[in-house]
Amino acid sequence: MPYIQINVAGAPLSEAERRQLHQLFTDEVHRLLHKRREVTAVAIAEVPSDRWAIDGEACAARAAHAEILITAGTNSATEKAALIAAADAGLRTILGPLPEATYVVIREMAADAWGYGGRTQQARLGARAAL
């Protein structure tokens, strides 16, 4: 049940770029982390360039940051590293040249601290184990 937040500064995104970002992150999280597509949510926020700074200076060109929330302990370090590499490459392919300070962050949330459909991940994991 990943939740992905992508922030982009600079030129406004086209509808095609937004669709490509939604698809890229859904596909790669499914392929590399083995997460279910039907519960993967991707949100994109556009930030004015004058509100995004690197090295203390407002960005003159596009910049991006992506955060991916997953349940703690469900993926290996190798899987997470592969996702970070694929996400970075995809951001650069879709958005064009980006600064070196383009971050992809994977946050691992405790299973009892988040969920969907009114149930925590801990409750879902417990129900699966009881089968």
C-alpha atoms as a PDB file:
ATOM      1  CA  MET A   1       0.000   0.000   0.000  1.00  0.00           C
ATOM      2  CA  PRO A   2       2.555   2.567  -0.965  1.00  0.00           C
ATOM      3  CA  TYR A   3       1.746   6.243  -0.890  1.00  0.00           C
ATOM      4  CA  ILE A   4       3.991   8.344  -3.116  1.00  0.00           C
ATOM      5  CA  GLN A   5       4.291  12.136  -2.997  1.00  0.00           C
ATOM      6  CA  ILE A   6       6.168  13.798  -5.851  1.00  0.00           C
ATOM      7  CA  ASN A   7       7.014  17.502  -5.679  1.00  0.00           C
ATOM      8  CA  VAL A   8       8.125  19.293  -8.824  1.00  0.00           C
ATOM      9  CA  ALA A   9       9.339  22.879  -9.179  1.00  0.00           C
ATOM     10  CA  GLY A  10       9.872  24.820 -12.371  1.00  0.00           C
ATOM     11  CA  ALA A  11       7.899  24.759 -15.583  1.00  0.00           C
ATOM     12  CA  PRO A  12       4.316  23.538 -15.133  1.00  0.00           C
ATOM     13  CA  LEU A  13       3.808  19.858 -15.837  1.00  0.00           C
ATOM     14  CA  SER A  14       1.917  18.841 -18.925  1.00  0.00           C
ATOM     15  CA  GLU A  15      -0.934  16.357 -18.610  1.00  0.00           C
ATOM     16  CA  ALA A  16       1.296  13.795 -20.369  1.00  0.00           C
ATOM     17  CA  GLU A  17       4.109  14.333 -17.829  1.00  0.00           C
ATOM     18  CA  ARG A  18       1.678  13.890 -14.924  1.00  0.00           C
ATOM     19  CA  ARG A  19       0.354  10.646 -16.432  1.00  0.00           C
ATOM     20  CA  GLN A  20       3.917   9.407 -17.043  1.00  0.00           C
ATOM     21  CA  LEU A  21       4.905  10.130 -13.435  1.00  0.00           C
ATOM     22  CA  HIS A  22       1.806   8.365 -12.087  1.00  0.00           C
ATOM     23  CA  GLN A  23       2.523   5.350 -14.283  1.00  0.00           C
ATOM     24  CA  LEU A  24       6.278   5.282 -13.635  1.00  0.00           C
ATOM     25  CA  PHE A  25       5.970   5.202  -9.854  1.00  0.00           C
ATOM     26  CA  THR A  26       3.067   2.743  -9.853  1.00  0.00           C
ATOM     27  CA  ASP A  27       4.916   0.424 -12.247  1.00  0.00           C
ATOM     28  CA  GLU A  28       8.295   0.552 -10.498  1.00  0.00           C
ATOM     29  CA  VAL A  29       6.891   0.101  -6.987  1.00  0.00           C
ATOM     30  CA  HIS A  30       4.976  -2.925  -8.256  1.00  0.00           C
ATOM     31  CA  ARG A  31       7.920  -4.349 -10.218  1.00  0.00           C
ATOM     32  CA  LEU A  32      10.726  -3.709  -7.721  1.00  0.00           C
ATOM     33  CA  LEU A  33       8.988  -3.777  -4.329  1.00  0.00           C
ATOM     34  CA  HIS A  34       6.229  -6.245  -5.290  1.00  0.00           C
ATOM     35  CA  LYS A  35       3.490  -3.911  -4.059  1.00  0.00           C
ATOM     36  CA  ARG A  36      -0.097  -4.195  -5.256  1.00  0.00           C
ATOM     37  CA  ARG A  37      -0.936  -1.679  -7.963  1.00  0.00           C
ATOM     38  CA  GLU A  38      -4.564  -1.330  -6.844  1.00  0.00           C
ATOM     39  CA  VAL A  39      -3.555   0.153  -3.478  1.00  0.00           C
ATOM     40  CA  THR A  40      -0.657   2.294  -4.722  1.00  0.00           C
ATOM     41  CA  ALA A  41      -1.469   6.016  -4.569  1.00  0.00           C
ATOM     42  CA  VAL A  42       0.597   8.721  -6.272  1.00  0.00           C
ATOM     43  CA  ALA A  43       0.118  12.447  -5.574  1.00  0.00           C
ATOM     44  CA  ILE A  44       1.930  15.167  -7.500  1.00  0.00           C
ATOM     45  CA  ALA A  45       2.363  18.734  -6.220  1.00  0.00           C
ATOM     46  CA  GLU A  46       3.780  21.575  -8.242  1.00  0.00           C
ATOM     47  CA  VAL A  47       5.844  24.128  -6.331  1.00  0.00           C
ATOM     48  CA  PRO A  48       6.670  27.610  -7.650  1.00  0.00           C
ATOM     49  CA  SER A  49      10.378  27.872  -8.505  1.00  0.00           C
ATOM     50  CA  ASP A  50      10.886  30.773  -6.105  1.00  0.00           C
ATOM     51  CA  ARG A  51       9.821  28.485  -3.234  1.00  0.00           C
ATOM     52  CA  TRP A  52      12.405  25.780  -3.991  1.00  0.00           C
ATOM     53  CA  ALA A  53      16.056  26.497  -3.269  1.00  0.00           C
ATOM     54  CA  ILE A  54      19.230  24.477  -3.569  1.00  0.00           C
ATOM     55  CA  ASP A  55      22.403  25.852  -1.995  1.00  0.00           C
ATOM     56  CA  GLY A  56      20.368  28.839  -0.838  1.00  0.00           C
ATOM     57  CA  GLU A  57      19.365  29.891  -4.351  1.00  0.00           C
ATOM     58  CA  ALA A  58      15.927  29.603  -5.943  1.00  0.00           C
ATOM     59  CA  CYS A  59      15.875  27.033  -8.722  1.00  0.00           C
ATOM     60  CA  ALA A  60      16.071  28.466 -12.200  1.00  0.00           C
ATOM     61  CA  ALA A  61      15.110  25.170 -13.831  1.00  0.00           C
ATOM     62  CA  ARG A  62      13.056  22.151 -12.836  1.00  0.00           C
ATOM     63  CA  ALA A  63      13.683  20.339  -9.563  1.00  0.00           C
ATOM     64  CA  ALA A  64      12.024  17.273  -8.063  1.00  0.00           C
ATOM     65  CA  HIS A  65      11.686  15.259  -4.864  1.00  0.00           C
ATOM     66  CA  ALA A  66       9.823  11.981  -4.340  1.00  0.00           C
ATOM     67  CA  GLU A  67       8.850  10.281  -1.087  1.00  0.00           C
ATOM     68  CA  ILE A  68       7.602   6.718  -1.046  1.00  0.00           C
ATOM     69  CA  LEU A  69       5.908   5.378   2.090  1.00  0.00           C
ATOM     70  CA  ILE A  70       5.904   1.613   2.622  1.00  0.00           C
ATOM     71  CA  THR A  71       5.409  -0.721   5.572  1.00  0.00           C
ATOM     72  CA  ALA A  72       8.604  -1.243   7.575  1.00  0.00           C
ATOM     73  CA  GLY A  73      10.428  -4.508   7.049  1.00  0.00           C
ATOM     74  CA  THR A  74       8.620  -5.518   3.864  1.00  0.00           C
ATOM     75  CA  ASN A  75      11.508  -4.937   1.442  1.00  0.00           C
ATOM     76  CA  SER A  76      15.238  -5.593   1.325  1.00  0.00           C
ATOM     77  CA  ALA A  77      17.946  -2.953   1.048  1.00  0.00           C
ATOM     78  CA  THR A  78      18.660  -4.204  -2.486  1.00  0.00           C
ATOM     79  CA  GLU A  79      15.025  -3.762  -3.539  1.00  0.00           C
ATOM     80  CA  LYS A  80      14.879  -0.264  -2.081  1.00  0.00           C
ATOM     81  CA  ALA A  81      18.160   0.735  -3.760  1.00  0.00           C
ATOM     82  CA  ALA A  82      16.826  -0.518  -7.103  1.00  0.00           C
ATOM     83  CA  LEU A  83      13.667   1.565  -6.672  1.00  0.00           C
ATOM     84  CA  ILE A  84      15.635   4.702  -5.795  1.00  0.00           C
ATOM     85  CA  ALA A  85      17.774   4.261  -8.934  1.00  0.00           C
ATOM     86  CA  ALA A  86      14.771   3.580 -11.180  1.00  0.00           C
ATOM     87  CA  ALA A  87      12.767   6.479  -9.761  1.00  0.00           C
ATOM     88  CA  ASP A  88      15.670   8.908 -10.195  1.00  0.00           C
ATOM     89  CA  ALA A  89      16.240   7.773 -13.783  1.00  0.00           C
ATOM     90  CA  GLY A  90      12.529   8.038 -14.532  1.00  0.00           C
ATOM     91  CA  LEU A  91      12.239  11.537 -13.059  1.00  0.00           C
ATOM     92  CA  ARG A  92      15.149  12.673 -15.221  1.00  0.00           C
ATOM     93  CA  THR A  93      13.712  11.023 -18.345  1.00  0.00           C
ATOM     94  CA  ILE A  94      10.257  12.549 -17.888  1.00  0.00           C
ATOM     95  CA  LEU A  95      11.212  15.975 -16.505  1.00  0.00           C
ATOM     96  CA  GLY A  96      14.498  16.590 -18.308  1.00  0.00           C
ATOM     97  CA  PRO A  97      17.716  17.734 -16.650  1.00  0.00           C
ATOM     98  CA  LEU A  98      17.417  17.923 -12.869  1.00  0.00           C
ATOM     99  CA  PRO A  99      19.881  19.097 -10.209  1.00  0.00           C
ATOM    100  CA  GLU A 100      22.136  16.593  -8.483  1.00  0.00           C
ATOM    101  CA  ALA A 101      20.104  17.374  -5.331  1.00  0.00           C
ATOM    102  CA  THR A 102      17.125  15.402  -6.639  1.00  0.00           C
ATOM    103  CA  TYR A 103      16.051  13.144  -3.805  1.00  0.00           C
ATOM    104  CA  VAL A 104      14.078   9.927  -3.747  1.00  0.00           C
ATOM    105  CA  VAL A 105      13.249   8.968  -0.176  1.00  0.00           C
ATOM    106  CA  ILE A 106      11.726   5.724   1.034  1.00  0.00           C
ATOM    107  CA  ARG A 107      10.064   6.057   4.427  1.00  0.00           C
ATOM    108  CA  GLU A 108       9.309   2.861   6.251  1.00  0.00           C
ATOM    109  CA  MET A 109       6.257   3.184   8.461  1.00  0.00           C
ATOM    110  CA  ALA A 110       5.554   0.893  11.415  1.00  0.00           C
ATOM    111  CA  ALA A 111       2.735  -1.517  10.528  1.00  0.00           C
ATOM    112  CA  ASP A 112       0.668  -0.298  13.486  1.00  0.00           C
ATOM    113  CA  ALA A 113       1.037   3.354  12.455  1.00  0.00           C
ATOM    114  CA  TRP A 114      -0.736   3.375   9.111  1.00  0.00           C
ATOM    115  CA  GLY A 115      -3.218   1.585   6.949  1.00  0.00           C
ATOM    116  CA  TYR A 116      -6.065   1.953   4.493  1.00  0.00           C
ATOM    117  CA  GLY A 117      -9.753   1.137   4.406  1.00  0.00           C
ATOM    118  CA  GLY A 118      -9.918   1.699   8.162  1.00  0.00           C
ATOM    119  CA  ARG A 119      -7.463  -1.105   9.040  1.00  0.00           C
ATOM    120  CA  THR A 120      -3.819  -0.894  10.004  1.00  0.00           C
ATOM    121  CA  GLN A 121      -1.192  -2.814   8.111  1.00  0.00           C
ATOM    122  CA  GLN A 122      -0.521  -4.720  11.339  1.00  0.00           C
ATOM    123  CA  ALA A 123      -4.138  -5.936  11.385  1.00  0.00           C
ATOM    124  CA  ARG A 124      -3.876  -6.966   7.722  1.00  0.00           C
ATOM    125  CA  LEU A 125      -0.616  -8.840   8.308  1.00  0.00           C
ATOM    126  CA  GLY A 126      -2.092 -10.578  11.352  1.00  0.00           C
ATOM    127  CA  ALA A 127      -5.154 -11.658   9.379  1.00  0.00           C
ATOM    128  CA  ARG A 128      -2.949 -13.097   6.611  1.00  0.00           C
ATOM    129  CA  ALA A 129      -0.792 -14.990   9.136  1.00  0.00           C
ATOM    130  CA  ALA A 130      -3.900 -16.554  10.708  1.00  0.00           C
ATOM    131  CA  LEU A 131      -4.876 -18.169   7.398  1.00  0.00           C
END
